[in-house]
Amino acid sequence: MDILEFVAIEIPCVACGGRYEVTLKQVARSQKMLHEGCPIRIETECPPLAQSGLMDQKLIQELQGIWVRLEEKARGAGGELKLWRG
């Protein structure tokens, strides 16, 4: 399971006052696009540019790495790691 698809940042919309979610997967993808040289640098015209700064890239990578290690430990115990929604 890609944990980054299940963890999101809920942020307010400055235009309408509503709230929306951006997954860490979207943030990581945005950071990758910009790192690879996306030419658009106008935040209002480029959602990835706005999303890329929502979370530190290193923290996202650490979370993903820890999740993978936890999955491996669970498999080693004969189980499967799940997100609990008690």
PDB file of N, CA and C in Angstrom:
ATOM      1  N   MET A   1       0.843  -1.171   0.000  1.00  0.00           N
ATOM      2  CA  MET A   1       0.000   0.000   0.000  1.00  0.00           C
ATOM      3  C   MET A   1       0.892   1.239   0.000  1.00  0.00           C
ATOM      4  N   ASP A   2       0.530   2.202  -0.776  1.00  0.00           N
ATOM      5  CA  ASP A   2       1.264   3.463  -0.796  1.00  0.00           C
ATOM      6  C   ASP A   2       0.619   4.395   0.222  1.00  0.00           C
ATOM      7  N   ILE A   3       1.227   4.503   1.404  1.00  0.00           N
ATOM      8  CA  ILE A   3       0.673   5.305   2.494  1.00  0.00           C
ATOM      9  C   ILE A   3       0.449   6.752   2.082  1.00  0.00           C
ATOM     10  N   LEU A   4       1.229   7.238   1.126  1.00  0.00           N
ATOM     11  CA  LEU A   4       1.100   8.638   0.704  1.00  0.00           C
ATOM     12  C   LEU A   4      -0.237   8.921   0.039  1.00  0.00           C
ATOM     13  N   GLU A   5      -0.919   7.882  -0.423  1.00  0.00           N
ATOM     14  CA  GLU A   5      -2.245   8.064  -1.023  1.00  0.00           C
ATOM     15  C   GLU A   5      -3.328   8.197   0.046  1.00  0.00           C
ATOM     16  N   PHE A   6      -3.005   7.851   1.299  1.00  0.00           N
ATOM     17  CA  PHE A   6      -4.000   7.818   2.362  1.00  0.00           C
ATOM     18  C   PHE A   6      -3.811   8.889   3.425  1.00  0.00           C
ATOM     19  N   VAL A   7      -2.740   9.673   3.312  1.00  0.00           N
ATOM     20  CA  VAL A   7      -2.487  10.770   4.241  1.00  0.00           C
ATOM     21  C   VAL A   7      -2.609  12.067   3.453  1.00  0.00           C
ATOM     22  N   ALA A   8      -3.432  12.980   3.988  1.00  0.00           N
ATOM     23  CA  ALA A   8      -3.676  14.236   3.267  1.00  0.00           C
ATOM     24  C   ALA A   8      -3.556  15.426   4.206  1.00  0.00           C
ATOM     25  N   ILE A   9      -3.317  16.557   3.615  1.00  0.00           N
ATOM     26  CA  ILE A   9      -3.304  17.833   4.324  1.00  0.00           C
ATOM     27  C   ILE A   9      -4.612  18.528   3.954  1.00  0.00           C
ATOM     28  N   GLU A  10      -5.392  18.894   4.950  1.00  0.00           N
ATOM     29  CA  GLU A  10      -6.630  19.630   4.686  1.00  0.00           C
ATOM     30  C   GLU A  10      -6.316  21.111   4.825  1.00  0.00           C
ATOM     31  N   ILE A  11      -6.554  21.853   3.770  1.00  0.00           N
ATOM     32  CA  ILE A  11      -6.223  23.273   3.788  1.00  0.00           C
ATOM     33  C   ILE A  11      -7.421  24.107   3.341  1.00  0.00           C
ATOM     34  N   PRO A  12      -7.483  25.350   3.814  1.00  0.00           N
ATOM     35  CA  PRO A  12      -8.595  26.213   3.425  1.00  0.00           C
ATOM     36  C   PRO A  12      -8.360  26.847   2.056  1.00  0.00           C
ATOM     37  N   CYS A  13      -9.444  27.056   1.357  1.00  0.00           N
ATOM     38  CA  CYS A  13      -9.381  27.781   0.086  1.00  0.00           C
ATOM     39  C   CYS A  13      -9.513  29.270   0.391  1.00  0.00           C
ATOM     40  N   VAL A  14      -8.561  30.053  -0.058  1.00  0.00           N
ATOM     41  CA  VAL A  14      -8.591  31.487   0.224  1.00  0.00           C
ATOM     42  C   VAL A  14      -9.676  32.193  -0.584  1.00  0.00           C
ATOM     43  N   ALA A  15     -10.145  31.583  -1.661  1.00  0.00           N
ATOM     44  CA  ALA A  15     -11.166  32.204  -2.498  1.00  0.00           C
ATOM     45  C   ALA A  15     -12.576  32.003  -1.945  1.00  0.00           C
ATOM     46  N   CYS A  16     -12.908  30.761  -1.560  1.00  0.00           N
ATOM     47  CA  CYS A  16     -14.295  30.475  -1.161  1.00  0.00           C
ATOM     48  C   CYS A  16     -14.461  30.173   0.317  1.00  0.00           C
ATOM     49  N   GLY A  17     -13.354  29.968   1.032  1.00  0.00           N
ATOM     50  CA  GLY A  17     -13.442  29.663   2.450  1.00  0.00           C
ATOM     51  C   GLY A  17     -13.694  28.191   2.736  1.00  0.00           C
ATOM     52  N   GLY A  18     -13.911  27.399   1.692  1.00  0.00           N
ATOM     53  CA  GLY A  18     -14.102  25.967   1.881  1.00  0.00           C
ATOM     54  C   GLY A  18     -12.775  25.306   2.207  1.00  0.00           C
ATOM     55  N   ARG A  19     -12.820  24.013   2.403  1.00  0.00           N
ATOM     56  CA  ARG A  19     -11.601  23.263   2.707  1.00  0.00           C
ATOM     57  C   ARG A  19     -11.441  22.157   1.683  1.00  0.00           C
ATOM     58  N   TYR A  20     -10.213  21.815   1.375  1.00  0.00           N
ATOM     59  CA  TYR A  20      -9.954  20.724   0.443  1.00  0.00           C
ATOM     60  C   TYR A  20      -8.726  19.969   0.910  1.00  0.00           C
ATOM     61  N   GLU A  21      -8.585  18.750   0.403  1.00  0.00           N
ATOM     62  CA  GLU A  21      -7.486  17.900   0.811  1.00  0.00           C
ATOM     63  C   GLU A  21      -6.494  17.697  -0.332  1.00  0.00           C
ATOM     64  N   VAL A  22      -5.237  17.683   0.041  1.00  0.00           N
ATOM     65  CA  VAL A  22      -4.164  17.377  -0.896  1.00  0.00           C
ATOM     66  C   VAL A  22      -3.397  16.211  -0.285  1.00  0.00           C
ATOM     67  N   THR A  23      -3.359  15.083  -0.980  1.00  0.00           N
ATOM     68  CA  THR A  23      -2.650  13.928  -0.434  1.00  0.00           C
ATOM     69  C   THR A  23      -1.140  14.155  -0.486  1.00  0.00           C
ATOM     70  N   LEU A  24      -0.435  13.448   0.377  1.00  0.00           N
ATOM     71  CA  LEU A  24       1.020  13.539   0.332  1.00  0.00           C
ATOM     72  C   LEU A  24       1.556  13.004  -0.987  1.00  0.00           C
ATOM     73  N   LYS A  25       0.813  12.103  -1.616  1.00  0.00           N
ATOM     74  CA  LYS A  25       1.197  11.598  -2.942  1.00  0.00           C
ATOM     75  C   LYS A  25       1.197  12.751  -3.951  1.00  0.00           C
ATOM     76  N   GLN A  26       0.155  13.608  -3.893  1.00  0.00           N
ATOM     77  CA  GLN A  26       0.082  14.760  -4.795  1.00  0.00           C
ATOM     78  C   GLN A  26       1.225  15.735  -4.517  1.00  0.00           C
ATOM     79  N   VAL A  27       1.526  15.951  -3.243  1.00  0.00           N
ATOM     80  CA  VAL A  27       2.620  16.861  -2.883  1.00  0.00           C
ATOM     81  C   VAL A  27       3.940  16.308  -3.415  1.00  0.00           C
ATOM     82  N   ALA A  28       4.181  15.014  -3.190  1.00  0.00           N
ATOM     83  CA  ALA A  28       5.436  14.396  -3.655  1.00  0.00           C
ATOM     84  C   ALA A  28       5.540  14.456  -5.175  1.00  0.00           C
ATOM     85  N   ARG A  29       4.434  14.201  -5.852  1.00  0.00           N
ATOM     86  CA  ARG A  29       4.431  14.252  -7.323  1.00  0.00           C
ATOM     87  C   ARG A  29       4.733  15.680  -7.800  1.00  0.00           C
ATOM     88  N   SER A  30       4.169  16.665  -7.115  1.00  0.00           N
ATOM     89  CA  SER A  30       4.417  18.066  -7.469  1.00  0.00           C
ATOM     90  C   SER A  30       5.881  18.428  -7.271  1.00  0.00           C
ATOM     91  N   GLN A  31       6.453  17.967  -6.158  1.00  0.00           N
ATOM     92  CA  GLN A  31       7.868  18.236  -5.904  1.00  0.00           C
ATOM     93  C   GLN A  31       8.742  17.609  -6.973  1.00  0.00           C
ATOM     94  N   LYS A  32       8.382  16.396  -7.388  1.00  0.00           N
ATOM     95  CA  LYS A  32       9.148  15.705  -8.432  1.00  0.00           C
ATOM     96  C   LYS A  32       9.077  16.463  -9.755  1.00  0.00           C
ATOM     97  N   MET A  33       7.866  16.932 -10.114  1.00  0.00           N
ATOM     98  CA  MET A  33       7.701  17.689 -11.362  1.00  0.00           C
ATOM     99  C   MET A  33       8.581  18.931 -11.372  1.00  0.00           C
ATOM    100  N   LEU A  34       8.569  19.660 -10.271  1.00  0.00           N
ATOM    101  CA  LEU A  34       9.361  20.880 -10.203  1.00  0.00           C
ATOM    102  C   LEU A  34      10.849  20.572 -10.214  1.00  0.00           C
ATOM    103  N   HIS A  35      11.241  19.509  -9.523  1.00  0.00           N
ATOM    104  CA  HIS A  35      12.651  19.105  -9.509  1.00  0.00           C
ATOM    105  C   HIS A  35      13.131  18.730 -10.909  1.00  0.00           C
ATOM    106  N   GLU A  36      12.226  18.129 -11.695  1.00  0.00           N
ATOM    107  CA  GLU A  36      12.583  17.713 -13.049  1.00  0.00           C
ATOM    108  C   GLU A  36      12.540  18.860 -14.054  1.00  0.00           C
ATOM    109  N   GLY A  37      12.143  20.050 -13.598  1.00  0.00           N
ATOM    110  CA  GLY A  37      12.243  21.213 -14.458  1.00  0.00           C
ATOM    111  C   GLY A  37      10.953  21.730 -15.067  1.00  0.00           C
ATOM    112  N   CYS A  38       9.828  21.572 -14.375  1.00  0.00           N
ATOM    113  CA  CYS A  38       8.570  22.133 -14.876  1.00  0.00           C
ATOM    114  C   CYS A  38       8.767  23.643 -15.086  1.00  0.00           C
ATOM    115  N   PRO A  39       8.464  24.167 -16.273  1.00  0.00           N
ATOM    116  CA  PRO A  39       8.761  25.567 -16.575  1.00  0.00           C
ATOM    117  C   PRO A  39       7.780  26.576 -15.983  1.00  0.00           C
ATOM    118  N   ILE A  40       6.599  26.150 -15.563  1.00  0.00           N
ATOM    119  CA  ILE A  40       5.609  27.100 -15.049  1.00  0.00           C
ATOM    120  C   ILE A  40       5.986  27.500 -13.632  1.00  0.00           C
ATOM    121  N   ARG A  41       6.065  28.782 -13.390  1.00  0.00           N
ATOM    122  CA  ARG A  41       6.447  29.279 -12.068  1.00  0.00           C
ATOM    123  C   ARG A  41       5.428  30.283 -11.528  1.00  0.00           C
ATOM    124  N   ILE A  42       4.203  30.242 -12.040  1.00  0.00           N
ATOM    125  CA  ILE A  42       3.143  31.130 -11.561  1.00  0.00           C
ATOM    126  C   ILE A  42       2.180  30.281 -10.744  1.00  0.00           C
ATOM    127  N   GLU A  43       2.163  30.492  -9.426  1.00  0.00           N
ATOM    128  CA  GLU A  43       1.431  29.621  -8.519  1.00  0.00           C
ATOM    129  C   GLU A  43      -0.044  29.494  -8.864  1.00  0.00           C
ATOM    130  N   THR A  44      -0.689  30.573  -9.303  1.00  0.00           N
ATOM    131  CA  THR A  44      -2.122  30.505  -9.600  1.00  0.00           C
ATOM    132  C   THR A  44      -2.418  29.700 -10.855  1.00  0.00           C
ATOM    133  N   GLU A  45      -1.436  29.472 -11.694  1.00  0.00           N
ATOM    134  CA  GLU A  45      -1.631  28.714 -12.927  1.00  0.00           C
ATOM    135  C   GLU A  45      -1.067  27.306 -12.838  1.00  0.00           C
ATOM    136  N   CYS A  46      -0.479  26.966 -11.714  1.00  0.00           N
ATOM    137  CA  CYS A  46       0.202  25.685 -11.612  1.00  0.00           C
ATOM    138  C   CYS A  46      -0.067  25.055 -10.242  1.00  0.00           C
ATOM    139  N   PRO A  47      -1.102  24.210 -10.147  1.00  0.00           N
ATOM    140  CA  PRO A  47      -1.366  23.564  -8.853  1.00  0.00           C
ATOM    141  C   PRO A  47      -0.152  22.841  -8.271  1.00  0.00           C
ATOM    142  N   PRO A  48       0.669  22.151  -9.084  1.00  0.00           N
ATOM    143  CA  PRO A  48       1.839  21.507  -8.485  1.00  0.00           C
ATOM    144  C   PRO A  48       2.786  22.486  -7.787  1.00  0.00           C
ATOM    145  N   LEU A  49       2.893  23.686  -8.307  1.00  0.00           N
ATOM    146  CA  LEU A  49       3.766  24.671  -7.675  1.00  0.00           C
ATOM    147  C   LEU A  49       3.221  25.037  -6.295  1.00  0.00           C
ATOM    148  N   ALA A  50       1.908  25.230  -6.212  1.00  0.00           N
ATOM    149  CA  ALA A  50       1.285  25.554  -4.931  1.00  0.00           C
ATOM    150  C   ALA A  50       1.373  24.374  -3.968  1.00  0.00           C
ATOM    151  N   GLN A  51       1.177  23.170  -4.466  1.00  0.00           N
ATOM    152  CA  GLN A  51       1.156  21.981  -3.613  1.00  0.00           C
ATOM    153  C   GLN A  51       2.544  21.570  -3.132  1.00  0.00           C
ATOM    154  N   SER A  52       3.559  21.862  -3.901  1.00  0.00           N
ATOM    155  CA  SER A  52       4.902  21.360  -3.590  1.00  0.00           C
ATOM    156  C   SER A  52       5.438  21.874  -2.260  1.00  0.00           C
ATOM    157  N   GLY A  53       4.999  23.025  -1.827  1.00  0.00           N
ATOM    158  CA  GLY A  53       5.506  23.597  -0.584  1.00  0.00           C
ATOM    159  C   GLY A  53       4.702  23.257   0.654  1.00  0.00           C
ATOM    160  N   LEU A  54       3.693  22.414   0.522  1.00  0.00           N
ATOM    161  CA  LEU A  54       2.842  22.100   1.661  1.00  0.00           C
ATOM    162  C   LEU A  54       3.525  21.223   2.706  1.00  0.00           C
ATOM    163  N   MET A  55       4.506  20.450   2.301  1.00  0.00           N
ATOM    164  CA  MET A  55       5.167  19.528   3.234  1.00  0.00           C
ATOM    165  C   MET A  55       6.616  19.357   2.796  1.00  0.00           C
ATOM    166  N   ASP A  56       7.483  19.190   3.757  1.00  0.00           N
ATOM    167  CA  ASP A  56       8.897  18.989   3.481  1.00  0.00           C
ATOM    168  C   ASP A  56       9.108  17.651   2.767  1.00  0.00           C
ATOM    169  N   GLN A  57       9.846  17.665   1.690  1.00  0.00           N
ATOM    170  CA  GLN A  57      10.091  16.471   0.881  1.00  0.00           C
ATOM    171  C   GLN A  57      10.748  15.359   1.706  1.00  0.00           C
ATOM    172  N   LYS A  58      11.675  15.726   2.559  1.00  0.00           N
ATOM    173  CA  LYS A  58      12.369  14.729   3.370  1.00  0.00           C
ATOM    174  C   LYS A  58      11.408  14.034   4.331  1.00  0.00           C
ATOM    175  N   LEU A  59      10.479  14.784   4.913  1.00  0.00           N
ATOM    176  CA  LEU A  59       9.507  14.177   5.825  1.00  0.00           C
ATOM    177  C   LEU A  59       8.602  13.188   5.099  1.00  0.00           C
ATOM    178  N   ILE A  60       8.201  13.526   3.896  1.00  0.00           N
ATOM    179  CA  ILE A  60       7.371  12.620   3.097  1.00  0.00           C
ATOM    180  C   ILE A  60       8.136  11.333   2.816  1.00  0.00           C
ATOM    181  N   GLN A  61       9.389  11.459   2.434  1.00  0.00           N
ATOM    182  CA  GLN A  61      10.211  10.280   2.148  1.00  0.00           C
ATOM    183  C   GLN A  61      10.417   9.432   3.398  1.00  0.00           C
ATOM    184  N   GLU A  62      10.606  10.079   4.540  1.00  0.00           N
ATOM    185  CA  GLU A  62      10.778   9.343   5.790  1.00  0.00           C
ATOM    186  C   GLU A  62       9.519   8.561   6.145  1.00  0.00           C
ATOM    187  N   LEU A  63       8.358   9.193   6.013  1.00  0.00           N
ATOM    188  CA  LEU A  63       7.098   8.508   6.296  1.00  0.00           C
ATOM    189  C   LEU A  63       6.928   7.296   5.393  1.00  0.00           C
ATOM    190  N   GLN A  64       7.201   7.484   4.120  1.00  0.00           N
ATOM    191  CA  GLN A  64       7.071   6.380   3.170  1.00  0.00           C
ATOM    192  C   GLN A  64       8.031   5.241   3.530  1.00  0.00           C
ATOM    193  N   GLY A  65       9.257   5.573   3.881  1.00  0.00           N
ATOM    194  CA  GLY A  65      10.237   4.560   4.250  1.00  0.00           C
ATOM    195  C   GLY A  65       9.846   3.804   5.514  1.00  0.00           C
ATOM    196  N   ILE A  66       9.361   4.524   6.508  1.00  0.00           N
ATOM    197  CA  ILE A  66       8.922   3.892   7.750  1.00  0.00           C
ATOM    198  C   ILE A  66       7.737   2.967   7.479  1.00  0.00           C
ATOM    199  N   TRP A  67       6.808   3.418   6.657  1.00  0.00           N
ATOM    200  CA  TRP A  67       5.642   2.590   6.334  1.00  0.00           C
ATOM    201  C   TRP A  67       6.078   1.284   5.658  1.00  0.00           C
ATOM    202  N   VAL A  68       7.017   1.374   4.735  1.00  0.00           N
ATOM    203  CA  VAL A  68       7.507   0.175   4.044  1.00  0.00           C
ATOM    204  C   VAL A  68       8.151  -0.779   5.051  1.00  0.00           C
ATOM    205  N   ARG A  69       8.931  -0.249   5.973  1.00  0.00           N
ATOM    206  CA  ARG A  69       9.552  -1.097   6.994  1.00  0.00           C
ATOM    207  C   ARG A  69       8.508  -1.751   7.890  1.00  0.00           C
ATOM    208  N   LEU A  70       7.463  -1.003   8.252  1.00  0.00           N
ATOM    209  CA  LEU A  70       6.387  -1.572   9.061  1.00  0.00           C
ATOM    210  C   LEU A  70       5.657  -2.686   8.309  1.00  0.00           C
ATOM    211  N   GLU A  71       5.433  -2.476   7.012  1.00  0.00           N
ATOM    212  CA  GLU A  71       4.793  -3.522   6.199  1.00  0.00           C
ATOM    213  C   GLU A  71       5.647  -4.786   6.176  1.00  0.00           C
ATOM    214  N   GLU A  72       6.951  -4.612   6.032  1.00  0.00           N
ATOM    215  CA  GLU A  72       7.858  -5.765   6.008  1.00  0.00           C
ATOM    216  C   GLU A  72       7.820  -6.514   7.337  1.00  0.00           C
ATOM    217  N   LYS A  73       7.802  -5.794   8.447  1.00  0.00           N
ATOM    218  CA  LYS A  73       7.734  -6.424   9.770  1.00  0.00           C
ATOM    219  C   LYS A  73       6.419  -7.183   9.932  1.00  0.00           C
ATOM    220  N   ALA A  74       5.326  -6.585   9.483  1.00  0.00           N
ATOM    221  CA  ALA A  74       4.021  -7.247   9.590  1.00  0.00           C
ATOM    222  C   ALA A  74       4.009  -8.538   8.775  1.00  0.00           C
ATOM    223  N   ARG A  75       4.556  -8.484   7.557  1.00  0.00           N
ATOM    224  CA  ARG A  75       4.635  -9.687   6.721  1.00  0.00           C
ATOM    225  C   ARG A  75       5.513 -10.748   7.379  1.00  0.00           C
ATOM    226  N   GLY A  76       6.595 -10.313   7.999  1.00  0.00           N
ATOM    227  CA  GLY A  76       7.484 -11.233   8.700  1.00  0.00           C
ATOM    228  C   GLY A  76       6.795 -11.944   9.860  1.00  0.00           C
ATOM    229  N   ALA A  77       5.772 -11.304  10.417  1.00  0.00           N
ATOM    230  CA  ALA A  77       5.007 -11.900  11.511  1.00  0.00           C
ATOM    231  C   ALA A  77       3.814 -12.690  10.978  1.00  0.00           C
ATOM    232  N   GLY A  78       3.747 -12.803   9.638  1.00  0.00           N
ATOM    233  CA  GLY A  78       2.645 -13.538   9.024  1.00  0.00           C
ATOM    234  C   GLY A  78       1.384 -12.717   8.858  1.00  0.00           C
ATOM    235  N   GLY A  79       1.488 -11.415   9.020  1.00  0.00           N
ATOM    236  CA  GLY A  79       0.313 -10.547   8.934  1.00  0.00           C
ATOM    237  C   GLY A  79       0.401  -9.555   7.797  1.00  0.00           C
ATOM    238  N   GLU A  80      -0.486  -8.588   7.859  1.00  0.00           N
ATOM    239  CA  GLU A  80      -0.544  -7.540   6.848  1.00  0.00           C
ATOM    240  C   GLU A  80      -0.861  -6.236   7.566  1.00  0.00           C
ATOM    241  N   LEU A  81      -0.124  -5.204   7.273  1.00  0.00           N
ATOM    242  CA  LEU A  81      -0.330  -3.902   7.893  1.00  0.00           C
ATOM    243  C   LEU A  81      -1.540  -3.235   7.263  1.00  0.00           C
ATOM    244  N   LYS A  82      -2.432  -2.723   8.094  1.00  0.00           N
ATOM    245  CA  LYS A  82      -3.662  -2.075   7.626  1.00  0.00           C
ATOM    246  C   LYS A  82      -3.820  -0.729   8.313  1.00  0.00           C
ATOM    247  N   LEU A  83      -4.534   0.157   7.671  1.00  0.00           N
ATOM    248  CA  LEU A  83      -4.933   1.399   8.325  1.00  0.00           C
ATOM    249  C   LEU A  83      -6.222   1.113   9.096  1.00  0.00           C
ATOM    250  N   TRP A  84      -6.208   1.399  10.370  1.00  0.00           N
ATOM    251  CA  TRP A  84      -7.369   1.118  11.198  1.00  0.00           C
ATOM    252  C   TRP A  84      -8.240   2.354  11.262  1.00  0.00           C
ATOM    253  N   ARG A  85      -9.507   2.183  11.071  1.00  0.00           N
ATOM    254  CA  ARG A  85     -10.437   3.337  11.078  1.00  0.00           C
ATOM    255  C   ARG A  85     -11.507   3.123  12.132  1.00  0.00           C
ATOM    256  N   GLY A  86     -11.038   2.813  13.339  1.00  0.00           N
ATOM    257  CA  GLY A  86     -11.901   2.491  14.468  1.00  0.00           C
ATOM    258  C   GLY A  86     -12.863   3.529  14.776  1.00  0.00           C
TER     259      GLY A  86
END
